[in-house]
Protein backbone atom coordinates (compact mmCIF):
# COMPACT_ATOMS: atom_id res chain seq x y z
CA UNK A 1 -0.48 0.17 -0.09
CA UNK A 2 1.28 3.17 -0.59
CA UNK A 3 0.82 6.37 1.08
CA UNK A 4 0.65 9.71 -0.18
CA UNK A 5 -0.67 13.17 1.36
CA UNK A 6 -3.84 15.16 0.75
CA UNK A 7 -1.64 17.43 -1.36
CA UNK A 8 0.57 15.12 -3.21
CA UNK A 9 -2.69 13.61 -4.23
CA UNK A 10 -4.25 17.00 -5.40
CA UNK A 11 -1.27 18.19 -7.47
CA UNK A 12 -0.90 14.26 -9.01
CA UNK A 13 -4.24 13.08 -9.40
CA UNK A 14 -4.48 11.51 -12.57
CA UNK A 15 -1.03 9.80 -12.01
CA UNK A 16 -3.32 8.57 -8.67
CA UNK A 17 -6.21 7.28 -10.24
CA UNK A 18 -4.15 5.66 -12.81
CA UNK A 19 -2.41 3.35 -10.23
CA UNK A 20 -5.63 2.96 -8.41
CA UNK A 21 -7.29 1.53 -11.60
CA UNK A 22 -4.39 -0.71 -12.32
CA UNK A 23 -4.63 -2.60 -8.58
CA UNK A 24 -2.66 0.11 -6.50
CA UNK A 25 -4.19 0.91 -2.97
CA UNK A 26 -3.26 4.56 -1.73
CA UNK A 27 -3.48 5.69 2.02
CA UNK A 28 -4.38 9.28 1.80
CA UNK A 29 -2.56 11.18 5.15
CA UNK A 30 -3.70 14.69 6.43
CA UNK A 31 -1.47 16.26 9.00
CA UNK A 32 0.41 12.57 8.87
CA UNK A 33 -3.19 10.92 9.80
CA UNK A 34 -4.57 8.65 7.45
CA UNK A 35 -8.41 9.42 6.11
CA UNK A 36 -9.03 7.97 3.19
CA UNK A 37 -7.76 4.82 1.55
CA UNK A 38 -8.52 4.41 -2.58
CA UNK A 39 -9.26 1.48 -4.04
CA UNK A 40 -10.45 0.53 -7.19
CA UNK A 41 -14.25 0.14 -7.84
CA UNK A 42 -15.80 -3.62 -8.61
CA UNK A 43 -16.37 -3.70 -12.15
CA UNK A 44 -20.67 -4.13 -12.88
CA UNK A 45 -21.64 -7.81 -13.22
CA UNK A 46 -23.19 -8.25 -16.36
CA UNK A 47 -26.18 -10.91 -15.59
CA UNK A 48 -26.17 -13.43 -18.58
CA UNK A 49 -29.62 -14.76 -18.99
CA UNK A 50 -29.27 -17.40 -21.47
CA UNK A 51 -33.16 -18.96 -22.17
CA UNK A 52 -35.09 -16.12 -20.40
CA UNK A 53 -38.54 -17.70 -21.93
CA UNK A 54 -37.97 -21.25 -20.53
CA UNK A 55 -37.23 -19.94 -16.83
CA UNK A 56 -40.55 -17.47 -17.02
CA UNK A 57 -43.28 -17.88 -14.82
CA UNK A 58 -45.87 -20.34 -16.82
CA UNK A 59 -49.21 -18.79 -17.56
CA UNK A 60 -50.97 -21.30 -16.66
CA UNK A 61 -53.38 -20.72 -19.43
CA UNK A 62 -54.72 -17.60 -19.50
CA UNK A 63 -54.11 -14.95 -21.74
CA UNK A 64 -51.71 -11.85 -20.94
CA UNK A 65 -54.97 -9.61 -21.57
CA UNK A 66 -56.66 -12.51 -18.59
CA UNK A 67 -54.08 -11.96 -16.43
CA UNK A 68 -53.97 -7.90 -16.31
CA UNK A 69 -57.43 -7.44 -16.35
CA UNK A 70 -57.53 -9.94 -12.96
CA UNK A 71 -54.60 -7.94 -11.30
CA UNK A 72 -56.76 -4.70 -11.98
CA UNK A 73 -59.71 -5.98 -11.18
CA UNK A 74 -61.87 -3.28 -11.64
CA UNK A 75 -59.36 -0.33 -10.55
CA UNK A 76 -58.99 0.79 -14.28
């Protein structure tokens, strides 16, 4: 883990960001005391759903219109 001051972080932000993005953990000190630890964000996980139709809830013999009408039950 690398330690830098707030002043260094401000002056060299693009370099700090590059290092963190590449896996470096940086602890930022303010007046000699640790205040912040910079770590890379987790990448967003992509949901892979190959066959969503096969895993859908079965319609139980009703049409979509019947299902919506039953759900609304006269509210509309």
